[in-house]
Full PDB file with SEQRES, HELIX, SHEET, SSBOND, CRYST1, ORIGX, SCALE, CONECT and MASTER records, all heavy atoms in Angstrom:
SEQRES   1 A   36  ALA LEU PRO ALA ALA MET ILE GLN ASN GLY ILE ALA GLU          
SEQRES   2 A   36  ALA ALA PHE ARG VAL GLU ALA GLU ASN GLN LYS TYR PRO          
SEQRES   3 A   36  THR PHE GLN THR ARG GLU ILE SER LEU GLU                      
HELIX    1 AA1 ALA A    4  GLN A    8  1                                   5    
HELIX    2 AA2 ILE A   11  ASN A   22  1                                  12    
CRYST1    1.000    1.000    1.000  90.00  90.00  90.00 P 1           1          
ORIGX1      1.000000  0.000000  0.000000        0.00000                         
ORIGX2      0.000000  1.000000  0.000000        0.00000                         
ORIGX3      0.000000  0.000000  1.000000        0.00000                         
SCALE1      1.000000  0.000000  0.000000        0.00000                         
SCALE2      0.000000  1.000000  0.000000        0.00000                         
SCALE3      0.000000  0.000000  1.000000        0.00000                         
ATOM      1  N   ALA A   1     -27.648  38.067 112.840  1.00  0.00           N  
ATOM      2  CA  ALA A   1     -28.961  38.537 112.433  1.00  0.00           C  
ATOM      3  C   ALA A   1     -29.176  38.125 110.938  1.00  0.00           C  
ATOM      4  O   ALA A   1     -28.272  37.931 110.193  1.00  0.00           O  
ATOM      5  CB  ALA A   1     -29.050  40.067 112.516  1.00  0.00           C  
ATOM      6  N   LEU A   2     -30.474  37.821 110.575  1.00  0.00           N  
ATOM      7  CA  LEU A   2     -30.777  37.428 109.232  1.00  0.00           C  
ATOM      8  C   LEU A   2     -32.202  37.897 108.914  1.00  0.00           C  
ATOM      9  O   LEU A   2     -33.083  37.900 109.837  1.00  0.00           O  
ATOM     10  CB  LEU A   2     -30.742  35.830 109.057  1.00  0.00           C  
ATOM     11  CG  LEU A   2     -30.753  35.208 107.775  1.00  0.00           C  
ATOM     12  CD1 LEU A   2     -29.381  35.503 107.127  1.00  0.00           C  
ATOM     13  CD2 LEU A   2     -31.077  33.795 107.812  1.00  0.00           C  
ATOM     14  N   PRO A   3     -32.409  38.296 107.645  1.00  0.00           N  
ATOM     15  CA  PRO A   3     -33.822  38.724 107.261  1.00  0.00           C  
ATOM     16  C   PRO A   3     -34.823  37.763 107.819  1.00  0.00           C  
ATOM     17  O   PRO A   3     -34.702  36.484 107.497  1.00  0.00           O  
ATOM     18  CB  PRO A   3     -33.765  38.834 105.794  1.00  0.00           C  
ATOM     19  CG  PRO A   3     -32.316  39.232 105.467  1.00  0.00           C  
ATOM     20  CD  PRO A   3     -31.538  38.454 106.492  1.00  0.00           C  
ATOM     21  N   ALA A   4     -35.873  38.179 108.470  1.00  0.00           N  
ATOM     22  CA  ALA A   4     -36.851  37.353 109.052  1.00  0.00           C  
ATOM     23  C   ALA A   4     -37.574  36.509 108.071  1.00  0.00           C  
ATOM     24  O   ALA A   4     -37.904  35.317 108.289  1.00  0.00           O  
ATOM     25  CB  ALA A   4     -37.902  38.123 109.856  1.00  0.00           C  
ATOM     26  N   ALA A   5     -37.798  37.081 106.820  1.00  0.00           N  
ATOM     27  CA  ALA A   5     -38.454  36.267 105.755  1.00  0.00           C  
ATOM     28  C   ALA A   5     -37.689  35.017 105.395  1.00  0.00           C  
ATOM     29  O   ALA A   5     -38.299  34.052 105.127  1.00  0.00           O  
ATOM     30  CB  ALA A   5     -38.658  37.261 104.499  1.00  0.00           C  
ATOM     31  N   MET A   6     -36.377  35.020 105.422  1.00  0.00           N  
ATOM     32  CA  MET A   6     -35.637  33.906 105.146  1.00  0.00           C  
ATOM     33  C   MET A   6     -35.867  32.748 106.124  1.00  0.00           C  
ATOM     34  O   MET A   6     -35.842  31.574 105.771  1.00  0.00           O  
ATOM     35  CB  MET A   6     -34.171  34.207 105.023  1.00  0.00           C  
ATOM     36  CG  MET A   6     -33.740  34.968 103.788  1.00  0.00           C  
ATOM     37  SD  MET A   6     -31.928  35.160 103.798  1.00  0.00           S  
ATOM     38  CE  MET A   6     -31.657  36.048 102.141  1.00  0.00           C  
ATOM     39  N   ILE A   7     -36.155  33.151 107.357  1.00  0.00           N  
ATOM     40  CA  ILE A   7     -36.395  32.127 108.378  1.00  0.00           C  
ATOM     41  C   ILE A   7     -37.908  31.720 108.311  1.00  0.00           C  
ATOM     42  O   ILE A   7     -38.178  30.587 108.384  1.00  0.00           O  
ATOM     43  CB  ILE A   7     -36.074  32.771 109.698  1.00  0.00           C  
ATOM     44  CG1 ILE A   7     -34.618  33.111 109.847  1.00  0.00           C  
ATOM     45  CG2 ILE A   7     -36.559  31.756 110.870  1.00  0.00           C  
ATOM     46  CD1 ILE A   7     -34.241  33.911 111.094  1.00  0.00           C  
ATOM     47  N   GLN A   8     -38.780  32.631 108.072  1.00  0.00           N  
ATOM     48  CA  GLN A   8     -40.185  32.311 108.069  1.00  0.00           C  
ATOM     49  C   GLN A   8     -40.626  31.481 106.902  1.00  0.00           C  
ATOM     50  O   GLN A   8     -41.474  30.598 106.970  1.00  0.00           O  
ATOM     51  CB  GLN A   8     -41.049  33.586 108.145  1.00  0.00           C  
ATOM     52  CG  GLN A   8     -40.949  34.337 109.370  1.00  0.00           C  
ATOM     53  CD  GLN A   8     -41.308  35.760 109.355  1.00  0.00           C  
ATOM     54  OE1 GLN A   8     -41.453  36.320 108.211  1.00  0.00           O  
ATOM     55  NE2 GLN A   8     -41.644  36.393 110.455  1.00  0.00           N  
ATOM     56  N   ASN A   9     -39.999  31.689 105.769  1.00  0.00           N  
ATOM     57  CA  ASN A   9     -40.402  30.890 104.542  1.00  0.00           C  
ATOM     58  C   ASN A   9     -39.579  29.654 104.293  1.00  0.00           C  
ATOM     59  O   ASN A   9     -39.655  29.009 103.254  1.00  0.00           O  
ATOM     60  CB  ASN A   9     -40.350  31.781 103.329  1.00  0.00           C  
ATOM     61  CG  ASN A   9     -38.969  32.355 102.970  1.00  0.00           C  
ATOM     62  OD1 ASN A   9     -37.927  31.848 103.422  1.00  0.00           O  
ATOM     63  ND2 ASN A   9     -38.906  33.401 102.243  1.00  0.00           N  
ATOM     64  N   GLY A  10     -38.604  29.315 105.346  1.00  0.00           N  
ATOM     65  CA  GLY A  10     -37.883  28.120 105.261  1.00  0.00           C  
ATOM     66  C   GLY A  10     -36.582  28.105 104.393  1.00  0.00           C  
ATOM     67  O   GLY A  10     -35.938  27.072 104.247  1.00  0.00           O  
ATOM     68  N   ILE A  11     -36.259  29.289 103.759  1.00  0.00           N  
ATOM     69  CA  ILE A  11     -35.092  29.342 102.925  1.00  0.00           C  
ATOM     70  C   ILE A  11     -33.841  29.112 103.803  1.00  0.00           C  
ATOM     71  O   ILE A  11     -32.930  28.375 103.327  1.00  0.00           O  
ATOM     72  CB  ILE A  11     -34.987  30.763 102.282  1.00  0.00           C  
ATOM     73  CG1 ILE A  11     -36.070  30.919 101.263  1.00  0.00           C  
ATOM     74  CG2 ILE A  11     -33.561  30.956 101.652  1.00  0.00           C  
ATOM     75  CD1 ILE A  11     -36.050  32.320 100.582  1.00  0.00           C  
ATOM     76  N   ALA A  12     -33.762  29.617 105.004  1.00  0.00           N  
ATOM     77  CA  ALA A  12     -32.578  29.465 105.812  1.00  0.00           C  
ATOM     78  C   ALA A  12     -32.409  28.006 106.168  1.00  0.00           C  
ATOM     79  O   ALA A  12     -31.313  27.418 106.131  1.00  0.00           O  
ATOM     80  CB  ALA A  12     -32.606  30.307 107.039  1.00  0.00           C  
ATOM     81  N   GLU A  13     -33.450  27.342 106.599  1.00  0.00           N  
ATOM     82  CA  GLU A  13     -33.431  25.891 106.939  1.00  0.00           C  
ATOM     83  C   GLU A  13     -32.919  25.071 105.769  1.00  0.00           C  
ATOM     84  O   GLU A  13     -32.083  24.202 105.886  1.00  0.00           O  
ATOM     85  CB  GLU A  13     -34.732  25.379 107.439  1.00  0.00           C  
ATOM     86  CG  GLU A  13     -34.773  23.978 107.799  1.00  0.00           C  
ATOM     87  CD  GLU A  13     -36.180  23.445 108.216  1.00  0.00           C  
ATOM     88  OE1 GLU A  13     -37.009  24.338 108.524  1.00  0.00           O  
ATOM     89  OE2 GLU A  13     -36.371  22.197 108.276  1.00  0.00           O  
ATOM     90  N   ALA A  14     -33.547  25.377 104.542  1.00  0.00           N  
ATOM     91  CA  ALA A  14     -33.172  24.631 103.418  1.00  0.00           C  
ATOM     92  C   ALA A  14     -31.732  24.806 103.076  1.00  0.00           C  
ATOM     93  O   ALA A  14     -31.011  23.882 102.640  1.00  0.00           O  
ATOM     94  CB  ALA A  14     -34.033  25.027 102.205  1.00  0.00           C  
ATOM     95  N   ALA A  15     -31.145  25.956 103.292  1.00  0.00           N  
ATOM     96  CA  ALA A  15     -29.744  26.269 102.996  1.00  0.00           C  
ATOM     97  C   ALA A  15     -28.882  25.387 103.855  1.00  0.00           C  
ATOM     98  O   ALA A  15     -27.855  24.802 103.356  1.00  0.00           O  
ATOM     99  CB  ALA A  15     -29.467  27.775 103.213  1.00  0.00           C  
ATOM    100  N   PHE A  16     -29.244  25.266 105.108  1.00  0.00           N  
ATOM    101  CA  PHE A  16     -28.331  24.457 105.998  1.00  0.00           C  
ATOM    102  C   PHE A  16     -28.428  22.907 105.600  1.00  0.00           C  
ATOM    103  O   PHE A  16     -27.453  22.262 105.580  1.00  0.00           O  
ATOM    104  CB  PHE A  16     -28.865  24.616 107.497  1.00  0.00           C  
ATOM    105  CG  PHE A  16     -28.124  25.767 108.109  1.00  0.00           C  
ATOM    106  CD1 PHE A  16     -28.642  27.046 108.118  1.00  0.00           C  
ATOM    107  CD2 PHE A  16     -26.925  25.541 108.841  1.00  0.00           C  
ATOM    108  CE1 PHE A  16     -28.066  28.097 108.694  1.00  0.00           C  
ATOM    109  CE2 PHE A  16     -26.297  26.575 109.507  1.00  0.00           C  
ATOM    110  CZ  PHE A  16     -26.838  27.884 109.459  1.00  0.00           C  
ATOM    111  N   ARG A  17     -29.633  22.513 105.282  1.00  0.00           N  
ATOM    112  CA  ARG A  17     -29.839  21.118 104.850  1.00  0.00           C  
ATOM    113  C   ARG A  17     -29.115  20.856 103.537  1.00  0.00           C  
ATOM    114  O   ARG A  17     -28.458  19.785 103.437  1.00  0.00           O  
ATOM    115  CB  ARG A  17     -31.257  20.755 104.661  1.00  0.00           C  
ATOM    116  CG  ARG A  17     -32.094  20.746 105.992  1.00  0.00           C  
ATOM    117  CD  ARG A  17     -33.522  20.300 105.814  1.00  0.00           C  
ATOM    118  NE  ARG A  17     -34.348  20.270 107.038  1.00  0.00           N  
ATOM    119  CZ  ARG A  17     -34.293  19.244 107.890  1.00  0.00           C  
ATOM    120  NH1 ARG A  17     -33.533  18.274 107.729  1.00  0.00           N  
ATOM    121  NH2 ARG A  17     -35.070  19.348 108.924  1.00  0.00           N  
ATOM    122  N   VAL A  18     -29.228  21.755 102.586  1.00  0.00           N  
ATOM    123  CA  VAL A  18     -28.580  21.507 101.287  1.00  0.00           C  
ATOM    124  C   VAL A  18     -26.977  21.491 101.493  1.00  0.00           C  
ATOM    125  O   VAL A  18     -26.284  20.749 100.877  1.00  0.00           O  
ATOM    126  CB  VAL A  18     -28.902  22.569 100.238  1.00  0.00           C  
ATOM    127  CG1 VAL A  18     -28.043  22.503  99.011  1.00  0.00           C  
ATOM    128  CG2 VAL A  18     -30.427  22.428  99.919  1.00  0.00           C  
ATOM    129  N   GLU A  19     -26.475  22.440 102.223  1.00  0.00           N  
ATOM    130  CA  GLU A  19     -25.018  22.509 102.467  1.00  0.00           C  
ATOM    131  C   GLU A  19     -24.441  21.273 103.084  1.00  0.00           C  
ATOM    132  O   GLU A  19     -23.443  20.698 102.847  1.00  0.00           O  
ATOM    133  CB  GLU A  19     -24.667  23.795 103.242  1.00  0.00           C  
ATOM    134  CG  GLU A  19     -23.182  24.020 103.296  1.00  0.00           C  
ATOM    135  CD  GLU A  19     -22.528  24.357 101.948  1.00  0.00           C  
ATOM    136  OE1 GLU A  19     -23.274  24.815 101.084  1.00  0.00           O  
ATOM    137  OE2 GLU A  19     -21.318  24.367 101.859  1.00  0.00           O  
ATOM    138  N   ALA A  20     -25.292  20.779 104.125  1.00  0.00           N  
ATOM    139  CA  ALA A  20     -24.963  19.523 104.761  1.00  0.00           C  
ATOM    140  C   ALA A  20     -24.844  18.381 103.846  1.00  0.00           C  
ATOM    141  O   ALA A  20     -23.927  17.507 103.835  1.00  0.00           O  
ATOM    142  CB  ALA A  20     -25.868  19.223 105.957  1.00  0.00           C  
ATOM    143  N   GLU A  21     -25.870  18.323 102.936  1.00  0.00           N  
ATOM    144  CA  GLU A  21     -25.869  17.182 101.910  1.00  0.00           C  
ATOM    145  C   GLU A  21     -24.725  17.365 100.938  1.00  0.00           C  
ATOM    146  O   GLU A  21     -24.014  16.401 100.615  1.00  0.00           O  
ATOM    147  CB  GLU A  21     -27.138  17.324 101.133  1.00  0.00           C  
ATOM    148  CG  GLU A  21     -27.342  16.124 100.119  1.00  0.00           C  
ATOM    149  CD  GLU A  21     -28.724  16.202  99.470  1.00  0.00           C  
ATOM    150  OE1 GLU A  21     -29.553  16.958  99.899  1.00  0.00           O  
ATOM    151  OE2 GLU A  21     -28.904  15.514  98.453  1.00  0.00           O  
ATOM    152  N   ASN A  22     -24.455  18.605 100.540  1.00  0.00           N  
ATOM    153  CA  ASN A  22     -23.261  18.823  99.545  1.00  0.00           C  
ATOM    154  C   ASN A  22     -21.936  18.434 100.242  1.00  0.00           C  
ATOM    155  O   ASN A  22     -21.042  17.952  99.523  1.00  0.00           O  
ATOM    156  CB  ASN A  22     -23.256  20.285  99.203  1.00  0.00           C  
ATOM    157  CG  ASN A  22     -24.354  20.734  98.322  1.00  0.00           C  
ATOM    158  OD1 ASN A  22     -25.018  19.856  97.653  1.00  0.00           O  
ATOM    159  ND2 ASN A  22     -24.617  21.940  98.262  1.00  0.00           N  
ATOM    160  N   GLN A  23     -21.799  18.581 101.547  1.00  0.00           N  
ATOM    161  CA  GLN A  23     -20.591  18.310 102.244  1.00  0.00           C  
ATOM    162  C   GLN A  23     -20.474  16.845 102.711  1.00  0.00           C  
ATOM    163  O   GLN A  23     -19.555  16.426 103.366  1.00  0.00           O  
ATOM    164  CB  GLN A  23     -20.377  19.276 103.435  1.00  0.00           C  
ATOM    165  CG  GLN A  23     -20.263  20.694 103.075  1.00  0.00           C  
ATOM    166  CD  GLN A  23     -18.996  20.986 102.282  1.00  0.00           C  
ATOM    167  OE1 GLN A  23     -18.001  20.322 102.382  1.00  0.00           O  
ATOM    168  NE2 GLN A  23     -19.184  21.958 101.415  1.00  0.00           N  
ATOM    169  N   LYS A  24     -21.639  16.112 102.412  1.00  0.00           N  
ATOM    170  CA  LYS A  24     -21.735  14.719 102.819  1.00  0.00           C  
ATOM    171  C   LYS A  24     -21.645  14.527 104.317  1.00  0.00           C  
ATOM    172  O   LYS A  24     -21.053  13.563 104.853  1.00  0.00           O  
ATOM    173  CB  LYS A  24     -20.648  13.865 102.107  1.00  0.00           C  
ATOM    174  CG  LYS A  24     -20.713  13.799 100.615  1.00  0.00           C  
ATOM    175  CD  LYS A  24     -19.627  12.907  99.972  1.00  0.00           C  
ATOM    176  CE  LYS A  24     -19.891  12.693  98.511  1.00  0.00           C  
ATOM    177  NZ  LYS A  24     -19.916  13.925  97.764  1.00  0.00           N  
ATOM    178  N   TYR A  25     -22.286  15.526 105.055  1.00  0.00           N  
ATOM    179  CA  TYR A  25     -22.408  15.380 106.411  1.00  0.00           C  
ATOM    180  C   TYR A  25     -23.651  14.636 106.766  1.00  0.00           C  
ATOM    181  O   TYR A  25     -24.514  14.349 105.964  1.00  0.00           O  
ATOM    182  CB  TYR A  25     -22.516  16.781 107.095  1.00  0.00           C  
ATOM    183  CG  TYR A  25     -21.276  17.587 107.093  1.00  0.00           C  
ATOM    184  CD1 TYR A  25     -21.263  18.923 106.893  1.00  0.00           C  
ATOM    185  CD2 TYR A  25     -19.994  16.926 107.154  1.00  0.00           C  
ATOM    186  CE1 TYR A  25     -20.076  19.721 106.889  1.00  0.00           C  
ATOM    187  CE2 TYR A  25     -18.856  17.695 107.165  1.00  0.00           C  
ATOM    188  CZ  TYR A  25     -18.785  19.049 106.946  1.00  0.00           C  
ATOM    189  OH  TYR A  25     -17.682  19.746 106.973  1.00  0.00           O  
ATOM    190  N   PRO A  26     -23.756  14.161 108.032  1.00  0.00           N  
ATOM    191  CA  PRO A  26     -25.046  13.547 108.503  1.00  0.00           C  
ATOM    192  C   PRO A  26     -26.252  14.401 108.278  1.00  0.00           C  
ATOM    193  O   PRO A  26     -26.123  15.618 108.264  1.00  0.00           O  
ATOM    194  CB  PRO A  26     -24.800  13.204 109.999  1.00  0.00           C  
ATOM    195  CG  PRO A  26     -23.288  13.220 110.061  1.00  0.00           C  
ATOM    196  CD  PRO A  26     -22.768  14.161 109.119  1.00  0.00           C  
ATOM    197  N   THR A  27     -27.413  13.737 108.083  1.00  0.00           N  
ATOM    198  CA  THR A  27     -28.662  14.529 107.808  1.00  0.00           C  
ATOM    199  C   THR A  27     -29.090  15.270 109.048  1.00  0.00           C  
ATOM    200  O   THR A  27     -29.039  14.769 110.210  1.00  0.00           O  
ATOM    201  CB  THR A  27     -29.769  13.518 107.391  1.00  0.00           C  
ATOM    202  OG1 THR A  27     -29.337  12.877 106.201  1.00  0.00           O  
ATOM    203  CG2 THR A  27     -30.972  14.260 107.055  1.00  0.00           C  
ATOM    204  N   PHE A  28     -29.578  16.480 108.951  1.00  0.00           N  
ATOM    205  CA  PHE A  28     -30.095  17.194 110.069  1.00  0.00           C  
ATOM    206  C   PHE A  28     -31.400  16.569 110.504  1.00  0.00           C  
ATOM    207  O   PHE A  28     -32.243  16.082 109.823  1.00  0.00           O  
ATOM    208  CB  PHE A  28     -30.431  18.667 109.623  1.00  0.00           C  
ATOM    209  CG  PHE A  28     -29.303  19.609 109.760  1.00  0.00           C  
ATOM    210  CD1 PHE A  28     -28.768  20.228 108.642  1.00  0.00           C  
ATOM    211  CD2 PHE A  28     -28.828  19.975 110.994  1.00  0.00           C  
ATOM    212  CE1 PHE A  28     -27.673  21.119 108.685  1.00  0.00           C  
ATOM    213  CE2 PHE A  28     -27.730  20.839 111.095  1.00  0.00           C  
ATOM    214  CZ  PHE A  28     -27.254  21.425 109.974  1.00  0.00           C  
ATOM    215  N   GLN A  29     -31.557  16.587 111.829  1.00  0.00           N  
ATOM    216  CA  GLN A  29     -32.861  16.164 112.496  1.00  0.00           C  
ATOM    217  C   GLN A  29     -33.538  17.408 113.016  1.00  0.00           C  
ATOM    218  O   GLN A  29     -32.946  18.285 113.570  1.00  0.00           O  
ATOM    219  CB  GLN A  29     -32.544  15.143 113.622  1.00  0.00           C  
ATOM    220  CG  GLN A  29     -31.753  13.953 113.210  1.00  0.00           C  
ATOM    221  CD  GLN A  29     -31.309  13.147 114.468  1.00  0.00           C  
ATOM    222  OE1 GLN A  29     -31.720  13.379 115.555  1.00  0.00           O  
ATOM    223  NE2 GLN A  29     -30.511  12.062 114.236  1.00  0.00           N  
ATOM    224  N   THR A  30     -34.859  17.445 112.841  1.00  0.00           N  
ATOM    225  CA  THR A  30     -35.644  18.571 113.433  1.00  0.00           C  
ATOM    226  C   THR A  30     -36.030  18.097 114.848  1.00  0.00           C  
ATOM    227  O   THR A  30     -36.859  17.244 114.994  1.00  0.00           O  
ATOM    228  CB  THR A  30     -36.967  18.746 112.637  1.00  0.00           C  
ATOM    229  OG1 THR A  30     -36.595  19.081 111.236  1.00  0.00           O  
ATOM    230  CG2 THR A  30     -37.693  19.912 113.213  1.00  0.00           C  
ATOM    231  N   ARG A  31     -35.341  18.757 115.818  1.00  0.00           N  
ATOM    232  CA  ARG A  31     -35.563  18.299 117.142  1.00  0.00           C  
ATOM    233  C   ARG A  31     -34.890  19.262 118.078  1.00  0.00           C  
ATOM    234  O   ARG A  31     -34.022  20.053 117.818  1.00  0.00           O  
ATOM    235  CB  ARG A  31     -34.937  16.953 117.519  1.00  0.00           C  
ATOM    236  CG  ARG A  31     -33.419  16.787 117.295  1.00  0.00           C  
ATOM    237  CD  ARG A  31     -32.931  15.439 117.787  1.00  0.00           C  
ATOM    238  NE  ARG A  31     -33.217  15.225 119.138  1.00  0.00           N  
ATOM    239  CZ  ARG A  31     -33.038  14.071 119.799  1.00  0.00           C  
ATOM    240  NH1 ARG A  31     -32.620  12.991 119.082  1.00  0.00           N  
ATOM    241  NH2 ARG A  31     -33.282  13.943 121.004  1.00  0.00           N  
ATOM    242  N   GLU A  32     -35.363  19.306 119.295  1.00  0.00           N  
ATOM    243  CA  GLU A  32     -34.756  20.082 120.440  1.00  0.00           C  
ATOM    244  C   GLU A  32     -33.930  19.031 121.306  1.00  0.00           C  
ATOM    245  O   GLU A  32     -34.276  17.919 121.497  1.00  0.00           O  
ATOM    246  CB  GLU A  32     -35.779  20.716 121.346  1.00  0.00           C  
ATOM    247  CG  GLU A  32     -36.519  21.878 120.659  1.00  0.00           C  
ATOM    248  CD  GLU A  32     -35.663  23.005 120.563  1.00  0.00           C  
ATOM    249  OE1 GLU A  32     -34.641  23.136 121.304  1.00  0.00           O  
ATOM    250  OE2 GLU A  32     -36.020  24.014 119.835  1.00  0.00           O  
ATOM    251  N   ILE A  33     -32.775  19.495 121.758  1.00  0.00           N  
ATOM    252  CA  ILE A  33     -31.989  18.635 122.684  1.00  0.00           C  
ATOM    253  C   ILE A  33     -32.087  19.345 124.069  1.00  0.00           C  
ATOM    254  O   ILE A  33     -31.597  20.498 124.228  1.00  0.00           O  
ATOM    255  CB  ILE A  33     -30.546  18.535 122.276  1.00  0.00           C  
ATOM    256  CG1 ILE A  33     -30.313  17.932 120.872  1.00  0.00           C  
ATOM    257  CG2 ILE A  33     -29.727  17.662 123.261  1.00  0.00           C  
ATOM    258  CD1 ILE A  33     -28.915  17.859 120.408  1.00  0.00           C  
ATOM    259  N   SER A  34     -32.837  18.734 124.948  1.00  0.00           N  
ATOM    260  CA  SER A  34     -32.967  19.280 126.262  1.00  0.00           C  
ATOM    261  C   SER A  34     -31.680  19.291 126.938  1.00  0.00           C  
ATOM    262  O   SER A  34     -30.782  18.435 126.688  1.00  0.00           O  
ATOM    263  CB  SER A  34     -33.997  18.617 126.987  1.00  0.00           C  
ATOM    264  OG  SER A  34     -33.617  17.235 127.346  1.00  0.00           O  
ATOM    265  N   LEU A  35     -31.438  20.092 127.955  1.00  0.00           N  
ATOM    266  CA  LEU A  35     -30.239  20.126 128.709  1.00  0.00           C  
ATOM    267  C   LEU A  35     -29.999  18.798 129.395  1.00  0.00           C  
ATOM    268  O   LEU A  35     -28.922  18.264 129.464  1.00  0.00           O  
ATOM    269  CB  LEU A  35     -30.304  21.236 129.772  1.00  0.00           C  
ATOM    270  CG  LEU A  35     -29.111  21.379 130.647  1.00  0.00           C  
ATOM    271  CD1 LEU A  35     -27.771  21.562 129.962  1.00  0.00           C  
ATOM    272  CD2 LEU A  35     -29.314  22.535 131.747  1.00  0.00           C  
ATOM    273  N   GLU A  36     -31.111  18.223 129.807  1.00  0.00           N  
ATOM    274  CA  GLU A  36     -30.960  16.900 130.501  1.00  0.00           C  
ATOM    275  C   GLU A  36     -30.439  15.772 129.759  1.00  0.00           C  
ATOM    276  O   GLU A  36     -29.730  14.883 130.190  1.00  0.00           O  
ATOM    277  CB  GLU A  36     -32.359  16.470 131.145  1.00  0.00           C  
ATOM    278  CG  GLU A  36     -32.908  17.366 132.239  1.00  0.00           C  
ATOM    279  CD  GLU A  36     -33.494  18.726 131.665  1.00  0.00           C  
ATOM    280  OE1 GLU A  36     -33.589  18.826 130.389  1.00  0.00           O  
ATOM    281  OE2 GLU A  36     -33.807  19.648 132.502  1.00  0.00           O  
TER     282      GLU A  36                                                      
MASTER        0    0    0    2    0    0    0    6  281    1    0    3          
END                                                                             
């Protein structure tokens, strides 16, 4: 669970993107991966 405001205002998404960049991981893609 996480405060809804953090999700709605993009703070949570930004946190994941920044941490990935700090760790020199591949860049996040905004996409759905279908089961197929």
